[in-house]
């Protein structure tokens, strides 16, 4: 069964704020789990919400990798 627009998750402003805060605080293992979850459930998100969530996770991933490259540590 192909999912339609009614089956899509629509994030509210509160949801977006929660995603942003969670991504900002996530550690390396949590980021990997979140990426895996998002990839498995991509069809359930609207294009805009998918893009927003991936953007937040991508920013955090980039910051974590930058920390490792500069400080040899995952810590912020």
C-alpha atoms as a PDB file:
ATOM      1  CA  UNK A   1       0.000   0.000   0.000  1.00  0.00           C
ATOM      2  CA  UNK A   2       1.412   3.352  -1.022  1.00  0.00           C
ATOM      3  CA  UNK A   3       1.176   6.067   1.619  1.00  0.00           C
ATOM      4  CA  UNK A   4      -0.681   9.237   0.748  1.00  0.00           C
ATOM      5  CA  UNK A   5      -0.559  12.786   2.060  1.00  0.00           C
ATOM      6  CA  UNK A   6      -2.959  11.894   4.896  1.00  0.00           C
ATOM      7  CA  UNK A   7      -0.448   9.336   6.183  1.00  0.00           C
ATOM      8  CA  UNK A   8       2.350  11.916   6.497  1.00  0.00           C
ATOM      9  CA  UNK A   9       3.625  13.263   9.800  1.00  0.00           C
ATOM     10  CA  UNK A  10       3.332  17.050  10.006  1.00  0.00           C
ATOM     11  CA  UNK A  11       5.625  18.635  12.577  1.00  0.00           C
ATOM     12  CA  UNK A  12       4.233  21.531  14.617  1.00  0.00           C
ATOM     13  CA  UNK A  13       6.377  24.478  15.701  1.00  0.00           C
ATOM     14  CA  UNK A  14       6.740  22.783  19.092  1.00  0.00           C
ATOM     15  CA  UNK A  15       7.858  19.569  17.373  1.00  0.00           C
ATOM     16  CA  UNK A  16      10.425  21.503  15.343  1.00  0.00           C
ATOM     17  CA  UNK A  17      11.752  23.185  18.492  1.00  0.00           C
ATOM     18  CA  UNK A  18      12.023  19.773  20.185  1.00  0.00           C
ATOM     19  CA  UNK A  19      13.860  18.281  17.185  1.00  0.00           C
ATOM     20  CA  UNK A  20      16.252  21.226  17.132  1.00  0.00           C
ATOM     21  CA  UNK A  21      16.998  20.944  20.856  1.00  0.00           C
ATOM     22  CA  UNK A  22      17.346  17.150  20.765  1.00  0.00           C
ATOM     23  CA  UNK A  23      19.729  17.299  17.799  1.00  0.00           C
ATOM     24  CA  UNK A  24      21.779  19.993  19.526  1.00  0.00           C
ATOM     25  CA  UNK A  25      22.263  17.787  22.594  1.00  0.00           C
ATOM     26  CA  UNK A  26      22.666  14.393  20.874  1.00  0.00           C
ATOM     27  CA  UNK A  27      25.857  12.425  21.196  1.00  0.00           C
ATOM     28  CA  UNK A  28      27.474  10.339  18.449  1.00  0.00           C
ATOM     29  CA  UNK A  29      25.539   7.132  19.172  1.00  0.00           C
ATOM     30  CA  UNK A  30      22.245   9.000  19.374  1.00  0.00           C
ATOM     31  CA  UNK A  31      22.917  10.729  16.049  1.00  0.00           C
ATOM     32  CA  UNK A  32      23.519   7.363  14.380  1.00  0.00           C
ATOM     33  CA  UNK A  33      20.284   5.959  15.811  1.00  0.00           C
ATOM     34  CA  UNK A  34      18.343   9.056  14.724  1.00  0.00           C
ATOM     35  CA  UNK A  35      19.769   8.914  11.183  1.00  0.00           C
ATOM     36  CA  UNK A  36      18.816   5.244  10.947  1.00  0.00           C
ATOM     37  CA  UNK A  37      15.299   5.951  12.247  1.00  0.00           C
ATOM     38  CA  UNK A  38      14.807   8.850   9.834  1.00  0.00           C
ATOM     39  CA  UNK A  39      15.997   6.800   6.866  1.00  0.00           C
ATOM     40  CA  UNK A  40      13.656   3.931   7.765  1.00  0.00           C
ATOM     41  CA  UNK A  41      10.657   6.287   8.119  1.00  0.00           C
ATOM     42  CA  UNK A  42      11.374   8.789   5.346  1.00  0.00           C
ATOM     43  CA  UNK A  43       8.066   8.168   3.552  1.00  0.00           C
ATOM     44  CA  UNK A  44       6.109   9.171   6.657  1.00  0.00           C
ATOM     45  CA  UNK A  45       7.440  12.752   6.740  1.00  0.00           C
ATOM     46  CA  UNK A  46       6.515  15.678   4.545  1.00  0.00           C
ATOM     47  CA  UNK A  47       9.311  16.886   2.280  1.00  0.00           C
ATOM     48  CA  UNK A  48       9.724  20.091   4.300  1.00  0.00           C
ATOM     49  CA  UNK A  49       9.821  18.278   7.653  1.00  0.00           C
ATOM     50  CA  UNK A  50      12.208  15.644   6.285  1.00  0.00           C
ATOM     51  CA  UNK A  51      14.527  18.392   5.078  1.00  0.00           C
ATOM     52  CA  UNK A  52      14.341  20.277   8.368  1.00  0.00           C
ATOM     53  CA  UNK A  53      15.092  17.192  10.457  1.00  0.00           C
ATOM     54  CA  UNK A  54      17.969  16.085   8.238  1.00  0.00           C
ATOM     55  CA  UNK A  55      19.366  19.618   8.344  1.00  0.00           C
ATOM     56  CA  UNK A  56      19.375  19.609  12.148  1.00  0.00           C
ATOM     57  CA  UNK A  57      20.979  16.166  12.332  1.00  0.00           C
ATOM     58  CA  UNK A  58      23.513  17.155   9.689  1.00  0.00           C
ATOM     59  CA  UNK A  59      24.530  20.274  11.615  1.00  0.00           C
ATOM     60  CA  UNK A  60      25.064  18.254  14.770  1.00  0.00           C
ATOM     61  CA  UNK A  61      26.990  15.559  12.896  1.00  0.00           C
ATOM     62  CA  UNK A  62      29.234  18.203  11.373  1.00  0.00           C
ATOM     63  CA  UNK A  63      29.888  19.766  14.780  1.00  0.00           C
ATOM     64  CA  UNK A  64      30.732  16.395  16.331  1.00  0.00           C
ATOM     65  CA  UNK A  65      33.160  15.568  13.516  1.00  0.00           C
ATOM     66  CA  UNK A  66      34.742  19.017  13.769  1.00  0.00           C
ATOM     67  CA  UNK A  67      35.259  18.448  17.510  1.00  0.00           C
ATOM     68  CA  UNK A  68      37.018  15.162  16.818  1.00  0.00           C
ATOM     69  CA  UNK A  69      39.237  16.703  14.147  1.00  0.00           C
ATOM     70  CA  UNK A  70      40.249  19.679  16.304  1.00  0.00           C
ATOM     71  CA  UNK A  71      40.186  18.308  19.850  1.00  0.00           C
ATOM     72  CA  UNK A  72      40.317  14.519  19.397  1.00  0.00           C
ATOM     73  CA  UNK A  73      37.161  14.434  21.520  1.00  0.00           C
ATOM     74  CA  UNK A  74      33.417  14.117  20.968  1.00  0.00           C
ATOM     75  CA  UNK A  75      32.778  16.714  23.686  1.00  0.00           C
ATOM     76  CA  UNK A  76      31.514  20.195  22.764  1.00  0.00           C
END
